[in-house]
Amino acid sequence: MNTMGQQRSAFALKKVSEIRPDLKEKFKPFSAGMPAMILQNGLGQSMAFLIAKGTDTHTTMFEIIQEWLDNVKCISSAGGKDFIGKLSEVEQSKYLLAQKETLKLLEWVKRYANAGI
């Protein structure tokens, strides 16, 4: 059985390797700044920002985070506005767990994006 760290790593590796080649150069610096955005603004506001921007880079990051939180049963949703709605309705403890889990995942996403995978 894999640890949560191994599962995060495998998921991040898979998702980063699926990013289109033309998007990887923009995604690399963006992935490095995403944890700071979440720490400064919170997970909910950061995810709303990603939806609002709507570029390929922002949408890709949103989908990675949303899918991971769905996989680990933090926030289950159909994505997009449904995800934001569910995130805004959860208890504080579950919200903080989702934020912590996202930050742990993004460490792997950032590493793999910087490695050029």
N, C-alpha and C. Protein backbone atom coordinates (compact mmCIF):
# COMPACT_ATOMS: atom_id res chain seq x y z
N MET A 1 0.84 -1.18 0.00
CA MET A 1 0.00 0.00 0.00
C MET A 1 0.89 1.24 0.00
N ASN A 2 0.54 2.20 -0.83
CA ASN A 2 1.31 3.44 -0.93
C ASN A 2 0.90 4.43 0.15
N THR A 3 1.87 5.22 0.58
CA THR A 3 1.57 6.28 1.52
C THR A 3 0.86 7.42 0.79
N MET A 4 0.28 8.34 1.54
CA MET A 4 -0.38 9.49 0.92
C MET A 4 0.63 10.32 0.13
N GLY A 5 1.84 10.42 0.65
CA GLY A 5 2.88 11.16 -0.07
C GLY A 5 3.18 10.53 -1.42
N GLN A 6 3.23 9.21 -1.45
CA GLN A 6 3.48 8.51 -2.71
C GLN A 6 2.30 8.69 -3.67
N GLN A 7 1.10 8.65 -3.13
CA GLN A 7 -0.08 8.85 -3.97
C GLN A 7 -0.11 10.27 -4.55
N ARG A 8 0.23 11.25 -3.73
CA ARG A 8 0.29 12.64 -4.22
C ARG A 8 1.34 12.77 -5.32
N SER A 9 2.50 12.18 -5.08
CA SER A 9 3.58 12.24 -6.05
C SER A 9 3.17 11.61 -7.38
N ALA A 10 2.59 10.44 -7.32
CA ALA A 10 2.17 9.73 -8.55
C ALA A 10 1.11 10.53 -9.30
N PHE A 11 0.15 11.08 -8.57
CA PHE A 11 -0.91 11.86 -9.19
C PHE A 11 -0.32 13.10 -9.86
N ALA A 12 0.55 13.81 -9.14
CA ALA A 12 1.16 15.03 -9.69
C ALA A 12 2.00 14.71 -10.92
N LEU A 13 2.76 13.64 -10.86
CA LEU A 13 3.58 13.23 -12.00
C LEU A 13 2.72 12.96 -13.23
N LYS A 14 1.64 12.25 -13.02
CA LYS A 14 0.72 11.92 -14.12
C LYS A 14 0.13 13.20 -14.71
N LYS A 15 -0.36 14.08 -13.86
CA LYS A 15 -1.01 15.30 -14.33
C LYS A 15 -0.04 16.26 -15.03
N VAL A 16 1.15 16.42 -14.47
CA VAL A 16 2.13 17.33 -15.07
C VAL A 16 2.61 16.76 -16.40
N SER A 17 2.77 15.46 -16.49
CA SER A 17 3.23 14.86 -17.75
C SER A 17 2.16 14.94 -18.84
N GLU A 18 0.90 15.13 -18.46
CA GLU A 18 -0.19 15.26 -19.44
C GLU A 18 -0.39 16.68 -19.95
N ILE A 19 0.31 17.64 -19.37
CA ILE A 19 0.16 19.04 -19.80
C ILE A 19 0.74 19.20 -21.19
N ARG A 20 0.00 19.90 -22.04
CA ARG A 20 0.44 20.13 -23.42
C ARG A 20 1.82 20.80 -23.43
N PRO A 21 2.68 20.42 -24.37
CA PRO A 21 4.02 21.02 -24.43
C PRO A 21 4.02 22.54 -24.54
N ASP A 22 3.08 23.11 -25.29
CA ASP A 22 3.05 24.57 -25.45
C ASP A 22 2.62 25.29 -24.18
N LEU A 23 2.05 24.57 -23.24
CA LEU A 23 1.57 25.16 -21.99
C LEU A 23 2.59 25.01 -20.86
N LYS A 24 3.52 24.08 -21.00
CA LYS A 24 4.44 23.77 -19.90
C LYS A 24 5.29 24.95 -19.45
N GLU A 25 5.76 25.78 -20.37
CA GLU A 25 6.60 26.91 -19.98
C GLU A 25 5.83 27.95 -19.16
N LYS A 26 4.56 28.15 -19.46
CA LYS A 26 3.74 29.07 -18.68
C LYS A 26 3.34 28.45 -17.35
N PHE A 27 3.15 27.13 -17.36
CA PHE A 27 2.70 26.43 -16.16
C PHE A 27 3.79 26.37 -15.10
N LYS A 28 5.03 26.28 -15.52
CA LYS A 28 6.15 26.14 -14.59
C LYS A 28 6.22 27.27 -13.56
N PRO A 29 6.31 28.54 -13.96
CA PRO A 29 6.35 29.62 -12.94
C PRO A 29 5.01 29.76 -12.21
N PHE A 30 3.93 29.48 -12.90
CA PHE A 30 2.62 29.59 -12.26
C PHE A 30 2.48 28.59 -11.12
N SER A 31 2.97 27.36 -11.35
CA SER A 31 2.88 26.34 -10.30
C SER A 31 3.74 26.70 -9.09
N ALA A 32 4.82 27.43 -9.32
CA ALA A 32 5.68 27.85 -8.21
C ALA A 32 4.99 28.89 -7.33
N GLY A 33 4.14 29.73 -7.90
CA GLY A 33 3.48 30.78 -7.14
C GLY A 33 2.14 30.39 -6.54
N MET A 34 1.60 29.28 -6.96
CA MET A 34 0.26 28.89 -6.51
C MET A 34 0.18 28.64 -5.00
N PRO A 35 1.15 27.96 -4.37
CA PRO A 35 1.06 27.77 -2.91
C PRO A 35 1.01 29.09 -2.14
N ALA A 36 1.79 30.06 -2.58
CA ALA A 36 1.79 31.37 -1.91
C ALA A 36 0.43 32.05 -2.06
N MET A 37 -0.17 31.91 -3.24
CA MET A 37 -1.49 32.50 -3.45
C MET A 37 -2.51 31.90 -2.49
N ILE A 38 -2.44 30.59 -2.31
CA ILE A 38 -3.38 29.92 -1.41
C ILE A 38 -3.13 30.34 0.04
N LEU A 39 -1.88 30.44 0.44
CA LEU A 39 -1.57 30.86 1.81
C LEU A 39 -2.00 32.30 2.08
N GLN A 40 -1.90 33.16 1.08
CA GLN A 40 -2.26 34.56 1.26
C GLN A 40 -3.77 34.78 1.19
N ASN A 41 -4.43 34.08 0.28
CA ASN A 41 -5.84 34.36 0.00
C ASN A 41 -6.81 33.28 0.46
N GLY A 42 -6.32 32.11 0.74
CA GLY A 42 -7.18 30.99 1.07
C GLY A 42 -7.50 30.16 -0.16
N LEU A 43 -7.89 28.93 0.07
CA LEU A 43 -8.16 28.01 -1.03
C LEU A 43 -9.36 28.46 -1.86
N GLY A 44 -10.43 28.86 -1.21
CA GLY A 44 -11.64 29.25 -1.92
C GLY A 44 -11.42 30.42 -2.87
N GLN A 45 -10.80 31.48 -2.38
CA GLN A 45 -10.55 32.64 -3.23
C GLN A 45 -9.58 32.31 -4.36
N SER A 46 -8.60 31.48 -4.06
CA SER A 46 -7.64 31.10 -5.09
C SER A 46 -8.30 30.29 -6.19
N MET A 47 -9.18 29.38 -5.80
CA MET A 47 -9.87 28.56 -6.80
C MET A 47 -10.84 29.41 -7.61
N ALA A 48 -11.51 30.37 -6.97
CA ALA A 48 -12.39 31.28 -7.70
C ALA A 48 -11.59 32.12 -8.70
N PHE A 49 -10.41 32.53 -8.30
CA PHE A 49 -9.52 33.28 -9.19
C PHE A 49 -9.17 32.44 -10.42
N LEU A 50 -8.85 31.17 -10.21
CA LEU A 50 -8.49 30.30 -11.33
C LEU A 50 -9.64 30.17 -12.32
N ILE A 51 -10.86 30.04 -11.81
CA ILE A 51 -12.03 29.94 -12.68
C ILE A 51 -12.23 31.26 -13.42
N ALA A 52 -12.11 32.37 -12.70
CA ALA A 52 -12.35 33.68 -13.30
C ALA A 52 -11.36 33.98 -14.43
N LYS A 53 -10.10 33.62 -14.24
CA LYS A 53 -9.09 33.88 -15.26
C LYS A 53 -9.39 33.05 -16.51
N GLY A 54 -9.62 31.78 -16.32
CA GLY A 54 -10.06 30.92 -17.41
C GLY A 54 -9.06 30.62 -18.51
N THR A 55 -7.79 31.03 -18.35
CA THR A 55 -6.80 30.66 -19.37
C THR A 55 -6.48 29.18 -19.25
N ASP A 56 -5.79 28.65 -20.24
CA ASP A 56 -5.44 27.22 -20.20
C ASP A 56 -4.62 26.88 -18.96
N THR A 57 -3.68 27.76 -18.60
CA THR A 57 -2.84 27.53 -17.43
C THR A 57 -3.68 27.49 -16.16
N HIS A 58 -4.56 28.46 -16.01
CA HIS A 58 -5.40 28.53 -14.81
C HIS A 58 -6.38 27.37 -14.75
N THR A 59 -6.97 27.04 -15.88
CA THR A 59 -7.92 25.93 -15.93
C THR A 59 -7.23 24.61 -15.61
N THR A 60 -6.04 24.42 -16.12
CA THR A 60 -5.28 23.19 -15.85
C THR A 60 -5.00 23.06 -14.36
N MET A 61 -4.56 24.14 -13.73
CA MET A 61 -4.27 24.10 -12.30
C MET A 61 -5.54 23.82 -11.51
N PHE A 62 -6.63 24.48 -11.88
CA PHE A 62 -7.91 24.25 -11.20
C PHE A 62 -8.29 22.77 -11.29
N GLU A 63 -8.21 22.21 -12.47
CA GLU A 63 -8.61 20.81 -12.67
C GLU A 63 -7.74 19.85 -11.89
N ILE A 64 -6.44 20.12 -11.81
CA ILE A 64 -5.54 19.25 -11.03
C ILE A 64 -5.96 19.26 -9.56
N ILE A 65 -6.15 20.45 -9.01
CA ILE A 65 -6.52 20.56 -7.59
C ILE A 65 -7.89 19.94 -7.33
N GLN A 66 -8.84 20.27 -8.17
CA GLN A 66 -10.21 19.77 -7.99
C GLN A 66 -10.25 18.25 -8.06
N GLU A 67 -9.55 17.68 -9.03
CA GLU A 67 -9.56 16.22 -9.16
C GLU A 67 -8.89 15.54 -7.96
N TRP A 68 -7.80 16.13 -7.48
CA TRP A 68 -7.12 15.53 -6.33
C TRP A 68 -8.02 15.57 -5.09
N LEU A 69 -8.63 16.70 -4.83
CA LEU A 69 -9.51 16.81 -3.66
C LEU A 69 -10.71 15.88 -3.78
N ASP A 70 -11.16 15.64 -4.98
CA ASP A 70 -12.23 14.67 -5.19
C ASP A 70 -11.72 13.25 -4.94
N ASN A 71 -10.51 12.95 -5.42
CA ASN A 71 -9.93 11.61 -5.23
C ASN A 71 -9.72 11.26 -3.76
N VAL A 72 -9.30 12.24 -2.98
CA VAL A 72 -9.03 11.96 -1.56
C VAL A 72 -10.25 12.25 -0.68
N LYS A 73 -11.37 12.49 -1.33
CA LYS A 73 -12.67 12.65 -0.65
C LYS A 73 -12.72 13.87 0.28
N CYS A 74 -11.95 14.91 -0.06
CA CYS A 74 -12.04 16.16 0.71
C CYS A 74 -13.25 16.95 0.26
N ILE A 75 -13.33 17.19 -1.04
CA ILE A 75 -14.44 17.94 -1.63
C ILE A 75 -14.88 17.19 -2.88
N SER A 76 -16.05 16.62 -2.87
CA SER A 76 -16.56 15.90 -4.04
C SER A 76 -17.50 16.81 -4.82
N SER A 77 -17.23 16.95 -6.12
CA SER A 77 -18.06 17.84 -6.92
C SER A 77 -17.97 17.46 -8.39
N ALA A 78 -18.75 18.13 -9.18
CA ALA A 78 -18.73 17.95 -10.63
C ALA A 78 -17.74 18.92 -11.28
N GLY A 79 -17.05 19.71 -10.47
CA GLY A 79 -16.08 20.67 -10.99
C GLY A 79 -16.67 22.05 -11.16
N GLY A 80 -15.83 23.00 -11.55
CA GLY A 80 -16.27 24.36 -11.82
C GLY A 80 -17.00 25.02 -10.67
N LYS A 81 -18.13 25.63 -10.99
CA LYS A 81 -18.90 26.35 -9.98
C LYS A 81 -19.44 25.42 -8.91
N ASP A 82 -19.71 24.17 -9.27
CA ASP A 82 -20.17 23.19 -8.28
C ASP A 82 -19.10 22.98 -7.21
N PHE A 83 -17.83 22.92 -7.65
CA PHE A 83 -16.73 22.75 -6.71
C PHE A 83 -16.66 23.95 -5.76
N ILE A 84 -16.73 25.16 -6.30
CA ILE A 84 -16.67 26.37 -5.47
C ILE A 84 -17.83 26.39 -4.49
N GLY A 85 -19.00 25.98 -4.94
CA GLY A 85 -20.17 25.93 -4.05
C GLY A 85 -19.97 24.95 -2.92
N LYS A 86 -19.47 23.77 -3.23
CA LYS A 86 -19.22 22.76 -2.19
C LYS A 86 -18.14 23.24 -1.23
N LEU A 87 -17.10 23.86 -1.77
CA LEU A 87 -16.01 24.35 -0.93
C LEU A 87 -16.50 25.42 0.04
N SER A 88 -17.43 26.24 -0.41
CA SER A 88 -17.93 27.32 0.46
C SER A 88 -18.91 26.81 1.52
N GLU A 89 -19.39 25.58 1.35
CA GLU A 89 -20.39 25.04 2.28
C GLU A 89 -19.82 24.10 3.34
N VAL A 90 -18.57 23.65 3.16
CA VAL A 90 -18.03 22.66 4.10
C VAL A 90 -17.68 23.29 5.44
N GLU A 91 -17.60 22.44 6.44
CA GLU A 91 -17.18 22.90 7.78
C GLU A 91 -15.75 23.42 7.71
N GLN A 92 -15.41 24.26 8.66
CA GLN A 92 -14.08 24.85 8.67
C GLN A 92 -12.98 23.79 8.74
N SER A 93 -13.18 22.76 9.53
CA SER A 93 -12.15 21.73 9.66
C SER A 93 -11.90 21.02 8.32
N LYS A 94 -12.97 20.76 7.58
CA LYS A 94 -12.83 20.10 6.28
C LYS A 94 -12.20 21.06 5.26
N TYR A 95 -12.56 22.32 5.34
CA TYR A 95 -11.97 23.34 4.46
C TYR A 95 -10.46 23.41 4.70
N LEU A 96 -10.07 23.48 5.94
CA LEU A 96 -8.64 23.56 6.27
C LEU A 96 -7.90 22.29 5.86
N LEU A 97 -8.55 21.15 5.99
CA LEU A 97 -7.96 19.89 5.54
C LEU A 97 -7.76 19.93 4.03
N ALA A 98 -8.74 20.41 3.30
CA ALA A 98 -8.64 20.52 1.84
C ALA A 98 -7.51 21.47 1.45
N GLN A 99 -7.39 22.58 2.17
CA GLN A 99 -6.32 23.54 1.88
C GLN A 99 -4.95 22.92 2.16
N LYS A 100 -4.82 22.23 3.27
CA LYS A 100 -3.55 21.58 3.62
C LYS A 100 -3.19 20.51 2.59
N GLU A 101 -4.17 19.74 2.19
CA GLU A 101 -3.95 18.68 1.20
C GLU A 101 -3.53 19.27 -0.14
N THR A 102 -4.15 20.40 -0.50
CA THR A 102 -3.80 21.07 -1.76
C THR A 102 -2.35 21.56 -1.73
N LEU A 103 -1.94 22.14 -0.61
CA LEU A 103 -0.57 22.62 -0.50
C LEU A 103 0.44 21.49 -0.60
N LYS A 104 0.11 20.35 -0.02
CA LYS A 104 1.00 19.19 -0.11
C LYS A 104 1.09 18.69 -1.54
N LEU A 105 -0.04 18.67 -2.24
CA LEU A 105 -0.04 18.24 -3.64
C LEU A 105 0.77 19.20 -4.51
N LEU A 106 0.59 20.49 -4.27
CA LEU A 106 1.26 21.49 -5.10
C LEU A 106 2.78 21.46 -4.96
N GLU A 107 3.27 20.98 -3.85
CA GLU A 107 4.72 20.81 -3.72
C GLU A 107 5.23 19.82 -4.78
N TRP A 108 4.49 18.76 -5.00
CA TRP A 108 4.86 17.78 -6.02
C TRP A 108 4.65 18.33 -7.42
N VAL A 109 3.54 19.02 -7.63
CA VAL A 109 3.27 19.60 -8.95
C VAL A 109 4.39 20.57 -9.32
N LYS A 110 4.78 21.40 -8.36
CA LYS A 110 5.85 22.39 -8.59
C LYS A 110 7.17 21.69 -8.90
N ARG A 111 7.49 20.65 -8.16
CA ARG A 111 8.75 19.92 -8.41
C ARG A 111 8.79 19.33 -9.80
N TYR A 112 7.72 18.66 -10.19
CA TYR A 112 7.69 18.03 -11.50
C TYR A 112 7.64 19.05 -12.63
N ALA A 113 6.93 20.13 -12.44
CA ALA A 113 6.89 21.18 -13.46
C ALA A 113 8.27 21.81 -13.65
N ASN A 114 8.97 22.04 -12.54
CA ASN A 114 10.33 22.61 -12.62
C ASN A 114 11.32 21.64 -13.24
N ALA A 115 11.08 20.35 -13.07
CA ALA A 115 11.96 19.35 -13.65
C ALA A 115 11.73 19.18 -15.15
N GLY A 116 10.69 19.84 -15.65
CA GLY A 116 10.41 19.76 -17.09
C GLY A 116 9.77 18.46 -17.53
N ILE A 117 9.12 17.79 -16.60
CA ILE A 117 8.49 16.51 -16.92
C ILE A 117 7.24 16.73 -17.73
